[in-house]
Amino acid sequence: MVDAEMVQRATEFHGHMCPGLAIGLRAAEVALREIGPHAKDEEVVAVVETDM
């Protein structure tokens, strides 16, 4: 689940909050739900692009 801390961290990384960031966070949430849990020492990286 996307929580306030995750939104804050993503906003700081991206530089600003925008609709594309919100869509990307939601896409990441769905993707992680679909692929299931992963080891804490693994890094999951996703690149999400929109045509906005």
PDB file of N, CA and C in Angstrom:
ATOM      1  N   MET A   1       0.833  -1.185   0.000  1.00  0.00           N
ATOM      2  CA  MET A   1       0.000   0.000   0.000  1.00  0.00           C
ATOM      3  C   MET A   1       0.878   1.249   0.000  1.00  0.00           C
ATOM      4  N   VAL A   2       0.528   2.209  -0.797  1.00  0.00           N
ATOM      5  CA  VAL A   2       1.256   3.472  -0.848  1.00  0.00           C
ATOM      6  C   VAL A   2       0.852   4.289   0.369  1.00  0.00           C
ATOM      7  N   ASP A   3       1.829   4.602   1.212  1.00  0.00           N
ATOM      8  CA  ASP A   3       1.541   5.406   2.392  1.00  0.00           C
ATOM      9  C   ASP A   3       2.167   6.794   2.251  1.00  0.00           C
ATOM     10  N   ALA A   4       1.924   7.647   3.211  1.00  0.00           N
ATOM     11  CA  ALA A   4       2.387   9.035   3.148  1.00  0.00           C
ATOM     12  C   ALA A   4       3.908   9.124   3.056  1.00  0.00           C
ATOM     13  N   GLU A   5       4.615   8.237   3.759  1.00  0.00           N
ATOM     14  CA  GLU A   5       6.084   8.254   3.705  1.00  0.00           C
ATOM     15  C   GLU A   5       6.583   7.917   2.304  1.00  0.00           C
ATOM     16  N   MET A   6       5.956   6.933   1.660  1.00  0.00           N
ATOM     17  CA  MET A   6       6.369   6.551   0.313  1.00  0.00           C
ATOM     18  C   MET A   6       6.119   7.701  -0.669  1.00  0.00           C
ATOM     19  N   VAL A   7       4.986   8.370  -0.521  1.00  0.00           N
ATOM     20  CA  VAL A   7       4.681   9.519  -1.383  1.00  0.00           C
ATOM     21  C   VAL A   7       5.722  10.603  -1.176  1.00  0.00           C
ATOM     22  N   GLN A   8       6.058  10.884   0.081  1.00  0.00           N
ATOM     23  CA  GLN A   8       7.061  11.908   0.392  1.00  0.00           C
ATOM     24  C   GLN A   8       8.414  11.553  -0.207  1.00  0.00           C
ATOM     25  N   ARG A   9       8.852  10.313  -0.044  1.00  0.00           N
ATOM     26  CA  ARG A   9      10.150   9.885  -0.582  1.00  0.00           C
ATOM     27  C   ARG A   9      10.169   9.959  -2.102  1.00  0.00           C
ATOM     28  N   ALA A  10       9.076   9.539  -2.733  1.00  0.00           N
ATOM     29  CA  ALA A  10       9.001   9.590  -4.197  1.00  0.00           C
ATOM     30  C   ALA A  10       9.007  11.036  -4.685  1.00  0.00           C
ATOM     31  N   THR A  11       8.300  11.913  -3.986  1.00  0.00           N
ATOM     32  CA  THR A  11       8.260  13.322  -4.359  1.00  0.00           C
ATOM     33  C   THR A  11       9.639  13.954  -4.250  1.00  0.00           C
ATOM     34  N   GLU A  12      10.359  13.640  -3.177  1.00  0.00           N
ATOM     35  CA  GLU A  12      11.713  14.165  -3.011  1.00  0.00           C
ATOM     36  C   GLU A  12      12.633  13.647  -4.110  1.00  0.00           C
ATOM     37  N   PHE A  13      12.523  12.373  -4.450  1.00  0.00           N
ATOM     38  CA  PHE A  13      13.357  11.785  -5.498  1.00  0.00           C
ATOM     39  C   PHE A  13      13.040  12.414  -6.859  1.00  0.00           C
ATOM     40  N   HIS A  14      11.749  12.558  -7.153  1.00  0.00           N
ATOM     41  CA  HIS A  14      11.299  13.060  -8.455  1.00  0.00           C
ATOM     42  C   HIS A  14      11.478  14.576  -8.579  1.00  0.00           C
ATOM     43  N   GLY A  15      11.369  15.262  -7.460  1.00  0.00           N
ATOM     44  CA  GLY A  15      11.543  16.713  -7.462  1.00  0.00           C
ATOM     45  C   GLY A  15      10.265  17.497  -7.258  1.00  0.00           C
ATOM     46  N   HIS A  16       9.119  16.888  -7.547  1.00  0.00           N
ATOM     47  CA  HIS A  16       7.833  17.546  -7.341  1.00  0.00           C
ATOM     48  C   HIS A  16       6.714  16.515  -7.467  1.00  0.00           C
ATOM     49  N   MET A  17       5.573  16.847  -6.873  1.00  0.00           N
ATOM     50  CA  MET A  17       4.404  15.978  -7.006  1.00  0.00           C
ATOM     51  C   MET A  17       3.668  16.385  -8.278  1.00  0.00           C
ATOM     52  N   CYS A  18       3.270  15.406  -9.071  1.00  0.00           N
ATOM     53  CA  CYS A  18       2.537  15.667 -10.300  1.00  0.00           C
ATOM     54  C   CYS A  18       1.667  14.448 -10.606  1.00  0.00           C
ATOM     55  N   PRO A  19       0.738  14.581 -11.552  1.00  0.00           N
ATOM     56  CA  PRO A  19      -0.117  13.438 -11.893  1.00  0.00           C
ATOM     57  C   PRO A  19       0.676  12.205 -12.348  1.00  0.00           C
ATOM     58  N   GLY A  20       1.760  12.422 -13.087  1.00  0.00           N
ATOM     59  CA  GLY A  20       2.576  11.295 -13.538  1.00  0.00           C
ATOM     60  C   GLY A  20       3.190  10.524 -12.380  1.00  0.00           C
ATOM     61  N   LEU A  21       3.609  11.241 -11.347  1.00  0.00           N
ATOM     62  CA  LEU A  21       4.177  10.578 -10.176  1.00  0.00           C
ATOM     63  C   LEU A  21       3.114   9.757  -9.459  1.00  0.00           C
ATOM     64  N   ALA A  22       1.914  10.319  -9.343  1.00  0.00           N
ATOM     65  CA  ALA A  22       0.823   9.586  -8.704  1.00  0.00           C
ATOM     66  C   ALA A  22       0.496   8.308  -9.485  1.00  0.00           C
ATOM     67  N   ILE A  23       0.467   8.409 -10.810  1.00  0.00           N
ATOM     68  CA  ILE A  23       0.211   7.231 -11.649  1.00  0.00           C
ATOM     69  C   ILE A  23       1.330   6.209 -11.464  1.00  0.00           C
ATOM     70  N   GLY A  24       2.568   6.668 -11.428  1.00  0.00           N
ATOM     71  CA  GLY A  24       3.707   5.768 -11.246  1.00  0.00           C
ATOM     72  C   GLY A  24       3.673   5.054  -9.912  1.00  0.00           C
ATOM     73  N   LEU A  25       3.301   5.772  -8.857  1.00  0.00           N
ATOM     74  CA  LEU A  25       3.192   5.140  -7.537  1.00  0.00           C
ATOM     75  C   LEU A  25       2.108   4.068  -7.539  1.00  0.00           C
ATOM     76  N   ARG A  26       1.008   4.366  -8.165  1.00  0.00           N
ATOM     77  CA  ARG A  26      -0.082   3.385  -8.237  1.00  0.00           C
ATOM     78  C   ARG A  26       0.340   2.173  -9.069  1.00  0.00           C
ATOM     79  N   ALA A  27       1.024   2.413 -10.183  1.00  0.00           N
ATOM     80  CA  ALA A  27       1.507   1.309 -11.020  1.00  0.00           C
ATOM     81  C   ALA A  27       2.478   0.431 -10.243  1.00  0.00           C
ATOM     82  N   ALA A  28       3.345   1.058  -9.461  1.00  0.00           N
ATOM     83  CA  ALA A  28       4.296   0.289  -8.646  1.00  0.00           C
ATOM     84  C   ALA A  28       3.567  -0.541  -7.603  1.00  0.00           C
ATOM     85  N   GLU A  29       2.537   0.034  -7.010  1.00  0.00           N
ATOM     86  CA  GLU A  29       1.748  -0.691  -6.014  1.00  0.00           C
ATOM     87  C   GLU A  29       1.116  -1.938  -6.630  1.00  0.00           C
ATOM     88  N   VAL A  30       0.528  -1.788  -7.797  1.00  0.00           N
ATOM     89  CA  VAL A  30      -0.104  -2.924  -8.482  1.00  0.00           C
ATOM     90  C   VAL A  30       0.951  -3.961  -8.872  1.00  0.00           C
ATOM     91  N   ALA A  31       2.085  -3.501  -9.399  1.00  0.00           N
ATOM     92  CA  ALA A  31       3.148  -4.425  -9.816  1.00  0.00           C
ATOM     93  C   ALA A  31       3.668  -5.238  -8.641  1.00  0.00           C
ATOM     94  N   LEU A  32       3.914  -4.587  -7.519  1.00  0.00           N
ATOM     95  CA  LEU A  32       4.417  -5.311  -6.349  1.00  0.00           C
ATOM     96  C   LEU A  32       3.386  -6.307  -5.829  1.00  0.00           C
ATOM     97  N   ARG A  33       2.120  -5.949  -5.910  1.00  0.00           N
ATOM     98  CA  ARG A  33       1.081  -6.886  -5.490  1.00  0.00           C
ATOM     99  C   ARG A  33       1.090  -8.117  -6.398  1.00  0.00           C
ATOM    100  N   GLU A  34       1.300  -7.902  -7.693  1.00  0.00           N
ATOM    101  CA  GLU A  34       1.282  -9.002  -8.654  1.00  0.00           C
ATOM    102  C   GLU A  34       2.512  -9.902  -8.552  1.00  0.00           C
ATOM    103  N   ILE A  35       3.700  -9.325  -8.351  1.00  0.00           N
ATOM    104  CA  ILE A  35       4.910 -10.155  -8.303  1.00  0.00           C
ATOM    105  C   ILE A  35       5.130 -10.776  -6.938  1.00  0.00           C
ATOM    106  N   GLY A  36       4.447 -10.270  -5.936  1.00  0.00           N
ATOM    107  CA  GLY A  36       4.544 -10.846  -4.607  1.00  0.00           C
ATOM    108  C   GLY A  36       5.727 -10.322  -3.815  1.00  0.00           C
ATOM    109  N   PRO A  37       5.885 -10.828  -2.609  1.00  0.00           N
ATOM    110  CA  PRO A  37       6.948 -10.338  -1.733  1.00  0.00           C
ATOM    111  C   PRO A  37       8.332 -10.676  -2.279  1.00  0.00           C
ATOM    112  N   HIS A  38       9.301  -9.858  -1.916  1.00  0.00           N
ATOM    113  CA  HIS A  38      10.684 -10.089  -2.310  1.00  0.00           C
ATOM    114  C   HIS A  38      11.555  -9.944  -1.075  1.00  0.00           C
ATOM    115  N   ALA A  39      12.759 -10.466  -1.161  1.00  0.00           N
ATOM    116  CA  ALA A  39      13.682 -10.420  -0.026  1.00  0.00           C
ATOM    117  C   ALA A  39      14.030  -8.971   0.303  1.00  0.00           C
ATOM    118  N   LYS A  40      14.203  -8.672   1.566  1.00  0.00           N
ATOM    119  CA  LYS A  40      14.526  -7.306   2.004  1.00  0.00           C
ATOM    120  C   LYS A  40      15.867  -6.834   1.459  1.00  0.00           C
ATOM    121  N   ASP A  41      16.776  -7.757   1.134  1.00  0.00           N
ATOM    122  CA  ASP A  41      18.081  -7.347   0.612  1.00  0.00           C
ATOM    123  C   ASP A  41      18.085  -7.213  -0.916  1.00  0.00           C
ATOM    124  N   GLU A  42      16.916  -7.400  -1.547  1.00  0.00           N
ATOM    125  CA  GLU A  42      16.797  -7.206  -2.987  1.00  0.00           C
ATOM    126  C   GLU A  42      16.249  -5.815  -3.273  1.00  0.00           C
ATOM    127  N   GLU A  43      16.711  -5.225  -4.351  1.00  0.00           N
ATOM    128  CA  GLU A  43      16.194  -3.932  -4.770  1.00  0.00           C
ATOM    129  C   GLU A  43      15.319  -4.144  -5.990  1.00  0.00           C
ATOM    130  N   VAL A  44      14.096  -3.668  -5.909  1.00  0.00           N
ATOM    131  CA  VAL A  44      13.173  -3.755  -7.034  1.00  0.00           C
ATOM    132  C   VAL A  44      13.145  -2.383  -7.702  1.00  0.00           C
ATOM    133  N   VAL A  45      13.434  -2.344  -8.986  1.00  0.00           N
ATOM    134  CA  VAL A  45      13.470  -1.087  -9.733  1.00  0.00           C
ATOM    135  C   VAL A  45      12.485  -1.181 -10.881  1.00  0.00           C
ATOM    136  N   ALA A  46      11.699  -0.137 -11.057  1.00  0.00           N
ATOM    137  CA  ALA A  46      10.745  -0.085 -12.168  1.00  0.00           C
ATOM    138  C   ALA A  46      10.832   1.287 -12.816  1.00  0.00           C
ATOM    139  N   VAL A  47      10.737   1.299 -14.118  1.00  0.00           N
ATOM    140  CA  VAL A  47      10.658   2.549 -14.857  1.00  0.00           C
ATOM    141  C   VAL A  47       9.253   2.612 -15.435  1.00  0.00           C
ATOM    142  N   VAL A  48       8.516   3.636 -15.058  1.00  0.00           N
ATOM    143  CA  VAL A  48       7.137   3.790 -15.514  1.00  0.00           C
ATOM    144  C   VAL A  48       7.062   5.076 -16.319  1.00  0.00           C
ATOM    145  N   GLU A  49       6.589   4.976 -17.546  1.00  0.00           N
ATOM    146  CA  GLU A  49       6.479   6.154 -18.395  1.00  0.00           C
ATOM    147  C   GLU A  49       5.032   6.337 -18.822  1.00  0.00           C
ATOM    148  N   THR A  50       4.640   7.597 -18.935  1.00  0.00           N
ATOM    149  CA  THR A  50       3.308   7.914 -19.443  1.00  0.00           C
ATOM    150  C   THR A  50       3.464   8.840 -20.634  1.00  0.00           C
ATOM    151  N   ASP A  51       2.433   8.949 -21.396  1.00  0.00           N
ATOM    152  CA  ASP A  51       2.440   9.820 -22.564  1.00  0.00           C
ATOM    153  C   ASP A  51       1.591  11.059 -22.254  1.00  0.00           C
ATOM    154  N   MET A  52       1.969  11.731 -21.178  1.00  0.00           N
ATOM    155  CA  MET A  52       1.187  12.896 -20.728  1.00  0.00           C
ATOM    156  C   MET A  52       1.768  14.170 -21.291  1.00  0.00           C
TER     157      MET A  52
END
